[in-house]
Amino acid sequence: MQGILYEESSVWLFLFVTLVLGGGAAWMTGRALAVTWAPVWQGIVYFLLLGAAVRFIHFALFHGTLLSLHYYLVDSVFLIVIGLAGFRYTRARQMTTQYSWLYTRTGPFTWRDRNAA
């Protein structure tokens, strides 16, 4: 997987920087978008900017390549997926809490009409 998903010598650096640090920031960004009822497309812009910040952390701390389109896209895709999951998780909680007479929660990311069979 080295060379495809990450360029560092250890997968742990990729997991820590991209998934833990960047993923945590992406989750919180998605959550903030949902809490403020912002449109989901706006989050994509934020996640792409966050991907550039994660790429800079790889460069500054671990001597990664700063201007690598391949690794930027890999980091950004992971961040978009995590951020959209945070958005959807928060939106499902919002819809079932604020509109409890209309919707019931069917899973961590989904809800349905309360009157639906």
N, C-alpha and C. Protein backbone atom coordinates (compact mmCIF):
# COMPACT_ATOMS: atom_id res chain seq x y z
N MET A 1 0.81 -1.19 0.00
CA MET A 1 0.00 0.00 0.00
C MET A 1 0.86 1.27 0.00
N GLN A 2 2.13 1.12 0.42
CA GLN A 2 2.99 2.30 0.38
C GLN A 2 3.18 2.70 -1.07
N GLY A 3 3.07 3.97 -1.32
CA GLY A 3 3.16 4.47 -2.67
C GLY A 3 1.80 4.69 -3.31
N ILE A 4 0.80 3.99 -2.80
CA ILE A 4 -0.55 4.19 -3.32
C ILE A 4 -1.34 5.12 -2.39
N LEU A 5 -1.41 4.76 -1.11
CA LEU A 5 -2.15 5.57 -0.15
C LEU A 5 -1.26 6.55 0.62
N TYR A 6 -0.03 6.20 0.83
CA TYR A 6 0.85 7.06 1.62
C TYR A 6 2.28 6.93 1.11
N GLU A 7 3.07 7.97 1.39
CA GLU A 7 4.44 7.96 0.93
C GLU A 7 5.45 7.81 2.06
N GLU A 8 5.00 7.91 3.31
CA GLU A 8 5.90 7.79 4.43
C GLU A 8 6.39 6.35 4.58
N SER A 9 7.38 6.17 5.42
CA SER A 9 7.94 4.84 5.59
C SER A 9 7.04 3.94 6.44
N SER A 10 6.12 4.51 7.16
CA SER A 10 5.25 3.75 8.04
C SER A 10 3.79 4.12 7.80
N VAL A 11 2.93 3.12 7.84
CA VAL A 11 1.50 3.36 7.68
C VAL A 11 0.96 4.13 8.88
N TRP A 12 1.62 4.02 10.03
CA TRP A 12 1.15 4.69 11.25
C TRP A 12 1.17 6.20 11.10
N LEU A 13 2.13 6.73 10.36
CA LEU A 13 2.16 8.18 10.13
C LEU A 13 0.96 8.62 9.31
N PHE A 14 0.64 7.85 8.30
CA PHE A 14 -0.55 8.15 7.49
C PHE A 14 -1.81 8.06 8.33
N LEU A 15 -1.93 7.00 9.11
CA LEU A 15 -3.12 6.83 9.94
C LEU A 15 -3.25 7.95 10.95
N PHE A 16 -2.14 8.35 11.57
CA PHE A 16 -2.20 9.39 12.59
C PHE A 16 -2.53 10.75 11.98
N VAL A 17 -1.80 11.16 10.96
CA VAL A 17 -1.98 12.50 10.42
C VAL A 17 -3.28 12.61 9.62
N THR A 18 -3.50 11.70 8.70
CA THR A 18 -4.66 11.83 7.82
C THR A 18 -5.95 11.41 8.50
N LEU A 19 -5.95 10.26 9.14
CA LEU A 19 -7.20 9.76 9.69
C LEU A 19 -7.52 10.28 11.08
N VAL A 20 -6.52 10.39 11.95
CA VAL A 20 -6.80 10.85 13.32
C VAL A 20 -6.88 12.37 13.37
N LEU A 21 -5.81 13.05 12.97
CA LEU A 21 -5.83 14.51 13.04
C LEU A 21 -6.76 15.12 11.99
N GLY A 22 -6.53 14.79 10.73
CA GLY A 22 -7.36 15.34 9.66
C GLY A 22 -8.78 14.83 9.71
N GLY A 23 -8.96 13.55 10.01
CA GLY A 23 -10.29 12.98 10.11
C GLY A 23 -11.10 13.58 11.25
N GLY A 24 -10.44 13.82 12.36
CA GLY A 24 -11.12 14.48 13.48
C GLY A 24 -11.56 15.88 13.12
N ALA A 25 -10.70 16.61 12.43
CA ALA A 25 -11.06 17.96 11.99
C ALA A 25 -12.17 17.90 10.95
N ALA A 26 -12.14 16.92 10.06
CA ALA A 26 -13.18 16.79 9.04
C ALA A 26 -14.52 16.43 9.69
N TRP A 27 -14.50 15.53 10.67
CA TRP A 27 -15.74 15.16 11.38
C TRP A 27 -16.34 16.39 12.04
N MET A 28 -15.51 17.18 12.71
CA MET A 28 -16.01 18.37 13.40
C MET A 28 -16.48 19.43 12.40
N THR A 29 -15.84 19.50 11.24
CA THR A 29 -16.30 20.43 10.21
C THR A 29 -17.66 20.00 9.67
N GLY A 30 -17.83 18.72 9.40
CA GLY A 30 -19.12 18.21 8.96
C GLY A 30 -20.20 18.42 10.01
N ARG A 31 -19.84 18.24 11.27
CA ARG A 31 -20.77 18.47 12.35
C ARG A 31 -21.17 19.95 12.42
N ALA A 32 -20.20 20.83 12.28
CA ALA A 32 -20.49 22.27 12.31
C ALA A 32 -21.40 22.68 11.15
N LEU A 33 -21.18 22.10 10.00
CA LEU A 33 -22.06 22.40 8.86
C LEU A 33 -23.49 21.96 9.13
N ALA A 34 -23.64 20.79 9.72
CA ALA A 34 -24.99 20.29 10.00
C ALA A 34 -25.66 21.12 11.09
N VAL A 35 -24.93 21.50 12.10
CA VAL A 35 -25.50 22.28 13.20
C VAL A 35 -25.98 23.64 12.72
N THR A 36 -25.27 24.24 11.78
CA THR A 36 -25.66 25.56 11.26
C THR A 36 -26.58 25.45 10.05
N TRP A 37 -27.01 24.26 9.70
CA TRP A 37 -27.91 23.99 8.59
C TRP A 37 -27.33 24.49 7.26
N ALA A 38 -26.04 24.42 7.13
CA ALA A 38 -25.37 24.81 5.89
C ALA A 38 -25.53 23.70 4.85
N PRO A 39 -25.48 24.03 3.57
CA PRO A 39 -25.61 23.00 2.54
C PRO A 39 -24.37 22.11 2.50
N VAL A 40 -24.57 20.88 2.09
CA VAL A 40 -23.48 19.90 2.10
C VAL A 40 -22.39 20.26 1.09
N TRP A 41 -22.73 20.92 -0.02
CA TRP A 41 -21.72 21.27 -1.02
C TRP A 41 -20.69 22.23 -0.44
N GLN A 42 -21.10 23.04 0.51
CA GLN A 42 -20.18 23.97 1.13
C GLN A 42 -19.08 23.20 1.89
N GLY A 43 -19.44 22.06 2.43
CA GLY A 43 -18.47 21.24 3.14
C GLY A 43 -17.38 20.70 2.24
N ILE A 44 -17.70 20.39 1.00
CA ILE A 44 -16.70 19.88 0.07
C ILE A 44 -15.57 20.88 -0.09
N VAL A 45 -15.90 22.15 -0.17
CA VAL A 45 -14.87 23.19 -0.28
C VAL A 45 -13.99 23.18 0.97
N TYR A 46 -14.61 23.09 2.14
CA TYR A 46 -13.85 23.06 3.38
C TYR A 46 -12.98 21.82 3.49
N PHE A 47 -13.50 20.68 3.05
CA PHE A 47 -12.73 19.45 3.13
C PHE A 47 -11.53 19.47 2.19
N LEU A 48 -11.68 20.11 1.04
CA LEU A 48 -10.55 20.23 0.12
C LEU A 48 -9.47 21.15 0.70
N LEU A 49 -9.88 22.21 1.37
CA LEU A 49 -8.91 23.07 2.06
C LEU A 49 -8.24 22.33 3.20
N LEU A 50 -8.99 21.53 3.90
CA LEU A 50 -8.44 20.71 4.98
C LEU A 50 -7.45 19.69 4.42
N GLY A 51 -7.72 19.18 3.23
CA GLY A 51 -6.79 18.26 2.58
C GLY A 51 -5.45 18.92 2.31
N ALA A 52 -5.47 20.20 1.93
CA ALA A 52 -4.22 20.94 1.72
C ALA A 52 -3.48 21.12 3.04
N ALA A 53 -4.21 21.35 4.12
CA ALA A 53 -3.57 21.49 5.44
C ALA A 53 -2.95 20.17 5.88
N VAL A 54 -3.63 19.07 5.65
CA VAL A 54 -3.08 17.75 6.00
C VAL A 54 -1.85 17.45 5.16
N ARG A 55 -1.89 17.82 3.89
CA ARG A 55 -0.73 17.62 3.02
C ARG A 55 0.46 18.44 3.53
N PHE A 56 0.19 19.66 4.04
CA PHE A 56 1.25 20.48 4.59
C PHE A 56 1.83 19.86 5.86
N ILE A 57 1.00 19.26 6.69
CA ILE A 57 1.51 18.59 7.90
C ILE A 57 2.42 17.43 7.51
N HIS A 58 2.03 16.66 6.50
CA HIS A 58 2.89 15.57 6.01
C HIS A 58 4.23 16.14 5.54
N PHE A 59 4.19 17.25 4.86
CA PHE A 59 5.40 17.89 4.34
C PHE A 59 6.27 18.45 5.46
N ALA A 60 5.67 19.21 6.35
CA ALA A 60 6.44 19.92 7.37
C ALA A 60 7.02 19.00 8.44
N LEU A 61 6.26 18.00 8.85
CA LEU A 61 6.71 17.16 9.96
C LEU A 61 7.41 15.88 9.52
N PHE A 62 7.04 15.33 8.39
CA PHE A 62 7.53 14.02 8.01
C PHE A 62 8.21 14.00 6.64
N HIS A 63 8.56 15.18 6.12
CA HIS A 63 9.30 15.33 4.86
C HIS A 63 8.58 14.68 3.68
N GLY A 64 7.28 14.80 3.66
CA GLY A 64 6.50 14.31 2.53
C GLY A 64 6.55 15.31 1.39
N THR A 65 5.92 14.95 0.30
CA THR A 65 5.87 15.83 -0.86
C THR A 65 4.70 16.79 -0.69
N LEU A 66 5.00 18.09 -0.78
CA LEU A 66 3.95 19.09 -0.57
C LEU A 66 3.03 19.17 -1.78
N LEU A 67 3.56 19.32 -2.95
CA LEU A 67 2.77 19.53 -4.16
C LEU A 67 2.63 18.23 -4.95
N SER A 68 1.96 17.27 -4.36
CA SER A 68 1.70 16.00 -5.00
C SER A 68 0.19 15.85 -5.18
N LEU A 69 -0.27 15.91 -6.42
CA LEU A 69 -1.70 15.81 -6.69
C LEU A 69 -2.25 14.46 -6.24
N HIS A 70 -1.47 13.40 -6.45
CA HIS A 70 -1.91 12.05 -6.08
C HIS A 70 -2.20 11.96 -4.58
N TYR A 71 -1.23 12.33 -3.76
CA TYR A 71 -1.41 12.21 -2.31
C TYR A 71 -2.40 13.24 -1.77
N TYR A 72 -2.50 14.39 -2.41
CA TYR A 72 -3.51 15.37 -2.02
C TYR A 72 -4.90 14.79 -2.25
N LEU A 73 -5.11 14.15 -3.38
CA LEU A 73 -6.42 13.55 -3.67
C LEU A 73 -6.73 12.40 -2.72
N VAL A 74 -5.73 11.59 -2.39
CA VAL A 74 -5.94 10.49 -1.44
C VAL A 74 -6.35 11.05 -0.08
N ASP A 75 -5.60 12.03 0.42
CA ASP A 75 -5.94 12.64 1.70
C ASP A 75 -7.32 13.29 1.65
N SER A 76 -7.61 14.00 0.59
CA SER A 76 -8.88 14.71 0.48
C SER A 76 -10.06 13.75 0.40
N VAL A 77 -9.91 12.64 -0.29
CA VAL A 77 -11.01 11.67 -0.38
C VAL A 77 -11.32 11.10 1.01
N PHE A 78 -10.29 10.75 1.77
CA PHE A 78 -10.52 10.26 3.12
C PHE A 78 -11.22 11.32 3.97
N LEU A 79 -10.79 12.56 3.85
CA LEU A 79 -11.38 13.64 4.65
C LEU A 79 -12.83 13.92 4.23
N ILE A 80 -13.11 13.85 2.94
CA ILE A 80 -14.48 14.07 2.47
C ILE A 80 -15.40 12.97 3.00
N VAL A 81 -14.95 11.74 2.97
CA VAL A 81 -15.78 10.63 3.46
C VAL A 81 -16.05 10.79 4.95
N ILE A 82 -15.02 11.08 5.73
CA ILE A 82 -15.19 11.24 7.17
C ILE A 82 -16.05 12.47 7.47
N GLY A 83 -15.81 13.56 6.76
CA GLY A 83 -16.58 14.78 6.99
C GLY A 83 -18.05 14.62 6.64
N LEU A 84 -18.34 13.94 5.54
CA LEU A 84 -19.73 13.71 5.17
C LEU A 84 -20.42 12.75 6.15
N ALA A 85 -19.66 11.82 6.70
CA ALA A 85 -20.22 10.94 7.73
C ALA A 85 -20.57 11.76 8.98
N GLY A 86 -19.70 12.68 9.37
CA GLY A 86 -20.01 13.55 10.51
C GLY A 86 -21.21 14.42 10.24
N PHE A 87 -21.32 14.92 9.03
CA PHE A 87 -22.48 15.73 8.64
C PHE A 87 -23.77 14.92 8.74
N ARG A 88 -23.76 13.73 8.16
CA ARG A 88 -24.97 12.91 8.12
C ARG A 88 -25.35 12.42 9.52
N TYR A 89 -24.37 12.06 10.34
CA TYR A 89 -24.63 11.60 11.70
C TYR A 89 -25.31 12.71 12.51
N THR A 90 -24.78 13.93 12.39
CA THR A 90 -25.34 15.06 13.11
C THR A 90 -26.71 15.43 12.56
N ARG A 91 -26.88 15.39 11.25
CA ARG A 91 -28.17 15.73 10.66
C ARG A 91 -29.24 14.73 11.08
N ALA A 92 -28.90 13.44 11.16
CA ALA A 92 -29.87 12.44 11.61
C ALA A 92 -30.27 12.70 13.05
N ARG A 93 -29.33 13.07 13.88
CA ARG A 93 -29.63 13.39 15.27
C ARG A 93 -30.49 14.65 15.36
N GLN A 94 -30.17 15.64 14.55
CA GLN A 94 -30.96 16.88 14.54
C GLN A 94 -32.41 16.61 14.13
N MET A 95 -32.58 15.91 13.05
CA MET A 95 -33.92 15.69 12.52
C MET A 95 -34.79 14.92 13.51
N THR A 96 -34.21 13.94 14.20
CA THR A 96 -35.01 13.14 15.12
C THR A 96 -35.16 13.80 16.49
N THR A 97 -34.32 14.75 16.82
CA THR A 97 -34.45 15.46 18.09
C THR A 97 -35.36 16.67 17.94
N GLN A 98 -35.12 17.47 16.93
CA GLN A 98 -35.89 18.70 16.78
C GLN A 98 -37.28 18.45 16.20
N TYR A 99 -37.42 17.40 15.43
CA TYR A 99 -38.71 17.08 14.82
C TYR A 99 -39.13 15.67 15.23
N SER A 100 -39.16 15.42 16.52
CA SER A 100 -39.42 14.07 17.03
C SER A 100 -40.84 13.60 16.72
N TRP A 101 -41.77 14.51 16.49
CA TRP A 101 -43.13 14.11 16.15
C TRP A 101 -43.25 13.69 14.69
N LEU A 102 -42.23 14.04 13.86
CA LEU A 102 -42.27 13.70 12.44
C LEU A 102 -41.37 12.52 12.08
N TYR A 103 -40.21 12.44 12.74
CA TYR A 103 -39.20 11.47 12.32
C TYR A 103 -38.75 10.59 13.47
N THR A 104 -38.36 9.40 13.13
CA THR A 104 -37.75 8.48 14.08
C THR A 104 -36.42 8.00 13.50
N ARG A 105 -35.47 7.77 14.35
CA ARG A 105 -34.14 7.37 13.90
C ARG A 105 -34.11 5.89 13.59
N THR A 106 -33.55 5.53 12.44
CA THR A 106 -33.46 4.12 12.06
C THR A 106 -32.04 3.59 12.08
N GLY A 107 -31.08 4.44 12.29
CA GLY A 107 -29.68 4.05 12.37
C GLY A 107 -28.84 5.27 12.70
N PRO A 108 -27.55 5.11 12.77
CA PRO A 108 -26.72 6.26 13.12
C PRO A 108 -26.72 7.36 12.05
N PHE A 109 -27.02 7.02 10.81
CA PHE A 109 -26.99 8.00 9.72
C PHE A 109 -28.33 8.21 9.04
N THR A 110 -29.37 7.54 9.49
CA THR A 110 -30.64 7.59 8.77
C THR A 110 -31.81 7.86 9.70
N TRP A 111 -32.88 8.34 9.11
CA TRP A 111 -34.15 8.54 9.80
C TRP A 111 -35.27 8.29 8.81
N ARG A 112 -36.48 8.13 9.34
CA ARG A 112 -37.64 7.90 8.47
C ARG A 112 -38.84 8.61 9.07
N ASP A 113 -39.89 8.74 8.27
CA ASP A 113 -41.14 9.31 8.76
C ASP A 113 -41.70 8.44 9.88
N ARG A 114 -42.19 9.08 10.91
CA ARG A 114 -42.75 8.34 12.04
C ARG A 114 -43.99 7.55 11.62
N ASN A 115 -44.76 8.07 10.70
CA ASN A 115 -45.99 7.40 10.26
C ASN A 115 -45.78 6.37 9.17
N ALA A 116 -44.56 6.25 8.66
CA ALA A 116 -44.28 5.27 7.61
C ALA A 116 -44.32 3.86 8.18
N ALA A 117 -44.77 2.92 7.39
CA ALA A 117 -44.92 1.53 7.87
C ALA A 117 -43.62 0.84 8.03
